[in-house]
């Protein structure tokens, strides 16, 4: 089972419930950038995803808050490092 989502709150919920975030990627559409969170797991992942989508998910609010803050930190780090990579690539192209 695999879940790919741009939903910060679904991602935080899954993490608060013990699902491990496998990776994050940046998808760019024009000037917009979106972080895609990628989770893989067993039937628990599917069950938790469905509970969240139906609006019947229950989670410890402190765990949820900590997951949101952690994901935001990871997102901003990913976006900053991507911005730095783009600058380095642009400088290399200018030098050629």
N, C-alpha and C. Protein backbone atom coordinates (compact mmCIF):
# COMPACT_ATOMS: atom_id res chain seq x y z
N UNK A 1 0.85 -1.19 0.00
CA UNK A 1 0.00 0.00 0.00
C UNK A 1 0.88 1.24 0.00
N UNK A 2 0.51 2.21 -0.81
CA UNK A 2 1.27 3.45 -0.92
C UNK A 2 0.29 4.62 -0.93
N UNK A 3 0.63 5.67 -0.20
CA UNK A 3 -0.17 6.89 -0.20
C UNK A 3 0.76 8.04 -0.56
N UNK A 4 0.40 8.78 -1.61
CA UNK A 4 1.10 10.01 -1.99
C UNK A 4 0.11 11.14 -1.82
N UNK A 5 0.51 12.16 -1.09
CA UNK A 5 -0.42 13.25 -0.81
C UNK A 5 0.31 14.58 -0.65
N UNK A 6 -0.38 15.65 -0.97
CA UNK A 6 0.13 16.99 -0.70
C UNK A 6 -0.54 17.55 0.56
N UNK A 7 -1.39 16.77 1.18
CA UNK A 7 -2.15 17.20 2.36
C UNK A 7 -1.29 17.10 3.62
N UNK A 8 -0.91 18.25 4.14
CA UNK A 8 -0.09 18.31 5.34
C UNK A 8 -0.77 17.63 6.53
N UNK A 9 -2.08 17.83 6.67
CA UNK A 9 -2.80 17.31 7.84
C UNK A 9 -2.98 15.79 7.76
N UNK A 10 -3.23 15.25 6.57
CA UNK A 10 -3.28 13.80 6.42
C UNK A 10 -1.91 13.22 6.76
N UNK A 11 -0.87 13.84 6.26
CA UNK A 11 0.49 13.37 6.52
C UNK A 11 0.81 13.40 8.01
N UNK A 12 0.45 14.48 8.67
CA UNK A 12 0.69 14.60 10.11
C UNK A 12 -0.11 13.55 10.88
N UNK A 13 -1.34 13.31 10.45
CA UNK A 13 -2.18 12.29 11.09
C UNK A 13 -1.52 10.91 10.96
N UNK A 14 -1.08 10.58 9.75
CA UNK A 14 -0.44 9.27 9.55
C UNK A 14 0.81 9.12 10.41
N UNK A 15 1.60 10.18 10.48
CA UNK A 15 2.80 10.12 11.31
C UNK A 15 2.45 10.01 12.79
N UNK A 16 1.43 10.73 13.22
CA UNK A 16 1.01 10.67 14.63
C UNK A 16 0.51 9.27 14.99
N UNK A 17 0.05 8.53 13.98
CA UNK A 17 -0.44 7.17 14.20
C UNK A 17 0.66 6.13 14.00
N UNK A 18 1.89 6.60 13.78
CA UNK A 18 3.02 5.66 13.72
C UNK A 18 3.44 5.22 12.32
N UNK A 19 2.85 5.79 11.28
CA UNK A 19 3.24 5.44 9.92
C UNK A 19 4.49 6.25 9.55
N UNK A 20 5.48 5.61 8.98
CA UNK A 20 6.74 6.26 8.64
C UNK A 20 6.64 6.96 7.29
N UNK A 21 7.11 8.19 7.25
CA UNK A 21 7.21 8.93 5.99
C UNK A 21 8.41 8.38 5.24
N UNK A 22 8.17 7.84 4.04
CA UNK A 22 9.27 7.27 3.25
C UNK A 22 10.08 8.33 2.55
N UNK A 23 9.40 9.29 1.94
CA UNK A 23 10.12 10.33 1.22
C UNK A 23 9.20 11.52 0.94
N UNK A 24 9.84 12.58 0.48
CA UNK A 24 9.12 13.78 0.05
C UNK A 24 9.72 14.18 -1.28
N UNK A 25 8.88 14.71 -2.15
CA UNK A 25 9.41 15.24 -3.41
C UNK A 25 8.74 16.57 -3.69
N UNK A 26 9.39 17.35 -4.55
CA UNK A 26 8.85 18.65 -4.93
C UNK A 26 8.30 18.54 -6.34
N UNK A 27 7.05 18.93 -6.50
CA UNK A 27 6.44 18.99 -7.82
C UNK A 27 6.22 20.45 -8.16
N UNK A 28 6.73 20.84 -9.32
CA UNK A 28 6.61 22.23 -9.74
C UNK A 28 5.66 22.33 -10.92
N UNK A 29 4.75 23.30 -10.82
CA UNK A 29 3.84 23.62 -11.90
C UNK A 29 3.94 25.12 -12.11
N UNK A 30 4.65 25.51 -13.13
CA UNK A 30 4.87 26.95 -13.33
C UNK A 30 5.68 27.50 -12.17
N UNK A 31 5.13 28.52 -11.53
CA UNK A 31 5.80 29.13 -10.37
C UNK A 31 5.42 28.47 -9.05
N UNK A 32 4.46 27.56 -9.09
CA UNK A 32 4.00 26.91 -7.85
C UNK A 32 4.80 25.65 -7.56
N UNK A 33 5.14 25.49 -6.29
CA UNK A 33 5.83 24.29 -5.83
C UNK A 33 4.95 23.61 -4.80
N UNK A 34 4.84 22.30 -4.92
CA UNK A 34 4.10 21.52 -3.94
C UNK A 34 4.99 20.40 -3.43
N UNK A 35 4.89 20.16 -2.15
CA UNK A 35 5.59 19.03 -1.55
C UNK A 35 4.63 17.84 -1.58
N UNK A 36 5.13 16.71 -2.05
CA UNK A 36 4.37 15.48 -2.05
C UNK A 36 4.97 14.57 -0.99
N UNK A 37 4.15 14.15 -0.05
CA UNK A 37 4.57 13.24 1.01
C UNK A 37 4.24 11.82 0.56
N UNK A 38 5.21 10.91 0.72
CA UNK A 38 5.02 9.53 0.24
C UNK A 38 5.16 8.57 1.42
N UNK A 39 4.09 7.84 1.66
CA UNK A 39 4.04 6.83 2.73
C UNK A 39 3.82 5.46 2.10
N UNK A 40 4.46 4.45 2.64
CA UNK A 40 4.16 3.08 2.24
C UNK A 40 3.96 2.27 3.51
N UNK A 41 3.14 1.27 3.42
CA UNK A 41 2.87 0.47 4.61
C UNK A 41 1.94 -0.68 4.31
N UNK A 42 1.37 -1.22 5.36
CA UNK A 42 0.49 -2.37 5.26
C UNK A 42 -0.97 -1.92 5.30
N UNK A 43 -1.83 -2.82 5.71
CA UNK A 43 -3.27 -2.53 5.77
C UNK A 43 -3.58 -1.38 6.73
N UNK A 44 -2.75 -1.17 7.75
CA UNK A 44 -2.98 -0.06 8.68
C UNK A 44 -2.98 1.27 7.93
N UNK A 45 -2.06 1.43 7.00
CA UNK A 45 -1.98 2.66 6.23
C UNK A 45 -3.28 2.89 5.46
N UNK A 46 -3.77 1.86 4.82
CA UNK A 46 -5.02 1.96 4.07
C UNK A 46 -6.19 2.30 4.99
N UNK A 47 -6.27 1.63 6.12
CA UNK A 47 -7.35 1.86 7.09
C UNK A 47 -7.30 3.29 7.64
N UNK A 48 -6.10 3.74 8.01
CA UNK A 48 -5.95 5.09 8.55
C UNK A 48 -6.29 6.16 7.50
N UNK A 49 -5.85 5.94 6.28
CA UNK A 49 -6.15 6.87 5.19
C UNK A 49 -7.66 6.98 4.99
N UNK A 50 -8.34 5.84 4.98
CA UNK A 50 -9.80 5.85 4.79
C UNK A 50 -10.50 6.55 5.96
N UNK A 51 -10.04 6.30 7.18
CA UNK A 51 -10.64 6.95 8.36
C UNK A 51 -10.51 8.46 8.26
N UNK A 52 -9.34 8.93 7.85
CA UNK A 52 -9.11 10.36 7.71
C UNK A 52 -10.01 10.94 6.63
N UNK A 53 -10.07 10.29 5.48
CA UNK A 53 -10.88 10.78 4.36
C UNK A 53 -12.38 10.83 4.70
N UNK A 54 -12.82 9.89 5.53
CA UNK A 54 -14.24 9.86 5.93
C UNK A 54 -14.54 10.83 7.06
N UNK A 55 -13.51 11.38 7.69
CA UNK A 55 -13.72 12.33 8.79
C UNK A 55 -13.99 11.67 10.12
N UNK A 56 -13.60 10.40 10.27
CA UNK A 56 -13.83 9.70 11.53
C UNK A 56 -12.53 9.36 12.25
N UNK A 57 -11.43 9.94 11.81
CA UNK A 57 -10.12 9.66 12.41
C UNK A 57 -10.03 10.26 13.80
N UNK A 58 -9.37 9.53 14.67
CA UNK A 58 -9.12 10.03 16.03
C UNK A 58 -7.62 9.97 16.28
N UNK A 59 -7.11 11.06 16.90
CA UNK A 59 -5.68 11.13 17.14
C UNK A 59 -5.43 11.99 18.38
N UNK A 60 -4.32 11.71 19.04
CA UNK A 60 -3.90 12.51 20.17
C UNK A 60 -3.51 13.89 19.64
N UNK A 61 -4.12 14.95 20.14
CA UNK A 61 -3.84 16.29 19.59
C UNK A 61 -2.39 16.75 19.76
N UNK A 62 -1.75 16.32 20.83
CA UNK A 62 -0.35 16.70 21.03
C UNK A 62 0.53 16.01 19.99
N UNK A 63 0.27 14.73 19.72
CA UNK A 63 1.02 14.01 18.69
C UNK A 63 0.79 14.62 17.32
N UNK A 64 -0.43 15.04 17.07
CA UNK A 64 -0.76 15.67 15.79
C UNK A 64 0.01 16.98 15.64
N UNK A 65 0.00 17.79 16.68
CA UNK A 65 0.71 19.08 16.63
C UNK A 65 2.20 18.86 16.39
N UNK A 66 2.80 17.91 17.11
CA UNK A 66 4.22 17.62 16.94
C UNK A 66 4.52 17.15 15.52
N UNK A 67 3.64 16.35 14.96
CA UNK A 67 3.83 15.85 13.59
C UNK A 67 3.73 17.00 12.58
N UNK A 68 2.79 17.91 12.79
CA UNK A 68 2.65 19.07 11.89
C UNK A 68 3.92 19.91 11.92
N UNK A 69 4.41 20.21 13.12
CA UNK A 69 5.62 21.03 13.24
C UNK A 69 6.82 20.34 12.60
N UNK A 70 6.94 19.04 12.82
CA UNK A 70 8.05 18.28 12.23
C UNK A 70 7.97 18.28 10.70
N UNK A 71 6.79 18.06 10.17
CA UNK A 71 6.61 18.06 8.71
C UNK A 71 6.89 19.43 8.11
N UNK A 72 6.46 20.48 8.78
CA UNK A 72 6.73 21.83 8.28
C UNK A 72 8.23 22.09 8.23
N UNK A 73 8.95 21.70 9.28
CA UNK A 73 10.40 21.85 9.28
C UNK A 73 11.03 21.10 8.11
N UNK A 74 10.59 19.87 7.90
CA UNK A 74 11.13 19.06 6.81
C UNK A 74 10.80 19.69 5.45
N UNK A 75 9.58 20.20 5.31
CA UNK A 75 9.16 20.83 4.05
C UNK A 75 10.03 22.03 3.73
N UNK A 76 10.20 22.91 4.70
CA UNK A 76 10.97 24.13 4.47
C UNK A 76 12.44 23.80 4.20
N UNK A 77 12.98 22.79 4.88
CA UNK A 77 14.35 22.37 4.60
C UNK A 77 14.47 21.85 3.17
N UNK A 78 13.50 21.06 2.74
CA UNK A 78 13.51 20.51 1.38
C UNK A 78 13.42 21.63 0.35
N UNK A 79 12.53 22.59 0.58
CA UNK A 79 12.38 23.70 -0.36
C UNK A 79 13.64 24.56 -0.41
N UNK A 80 14.26 24.82 0.76
CA UNK A 80 15.49 25.61 0.79
C UNK A 80 16.62 24.90 0.06
N UNK A 81 16.76 23.60 0.28
CA UNK A 81 17.85 22.87 -0.38
C UNK A 81 17.61 22.79 -1.88
N UNK A 82 16.36 22.69 -2.28
CA UNK A 82 16.03 22.67 -3.71
C UNK A 82 16.36 24.01 -4.36
N UNK A 83 16.09 25.09 -3.64
CA UNK A 83 16.39 26.42 -4.15
C UNK A 83 17.89 26.60 -4.33
N UNK A 84 18.68 26.10 -3.38
CA UNK A 84 20.13 26.17 -3.47
C UNK A 84 20.67 25.35 -4.63
N UNK A 85 20.08 24.17 -4.86
CA UNK A 85 20.50 23.33 -5.98
C UNK A 85 20.22 24.03 -7.31
N UNK A 86 19.06 24.67 -7.40
CA UNK A 86 18.72 25.38 -8.64
C UNK A 86 19.72 26.49 -8.92
N UNK A 87 20.09 27.24 -7.88
CA UNK A 87 21.05 28.33 -8.05
C UNK A 87 22.40 27.79 -8.53
N UNK A 88 22.85 26.69 -7.93
CA UNK A 88 24.13 26.09 -8.33
C UNK A 88 24.07 25.64 -9.78
N UNK A 89 22.97 25.02 -10.17
CA UNK A 89 22.82 24.56 -11.57
C UNK A 89 22.78 25.73 -12.54
N UNK A 90 22.09 26.81 -12.17
CA UNK A 90 22.05 27.99 -13.02
C UNK A 90 23.42 28.61 -13.17
N UNK A 91 24.18 28.67 -12.08
CA UNK A 91 25.55 29.22 -12.13
C UNK A 91 26.46 28.36 -12.99
N UNK A 92 26.29 27.04 -12.91
CA UNK A 92 27.10 26.15 -13.75
C UNK A 92 26.79 26.37 -15.22
N UNK A 93 25.49 26.52 -15.53
CA UNK A 93 25.09 26.74 -16.94
C UNK A 93 25.61 28.07 -17.45
N UNK A 94 25.62 29.09 -16.63
CA UNK A 94 26.13 30.39 -17.04
C UNK A 94 27.63 30.33 -17.31
N UNK A 95 28.33 29.49 -16.56
CA UNK A 95 29.77 29.36 -16.69
C UNK A 95 30.18 28.63 -17.95
N UNK A 96 29.28 27.87 -18.53
CA UNK A 96 29.61 27.10 -19.76
C UNK A 96 29.57 27.91 -20.98
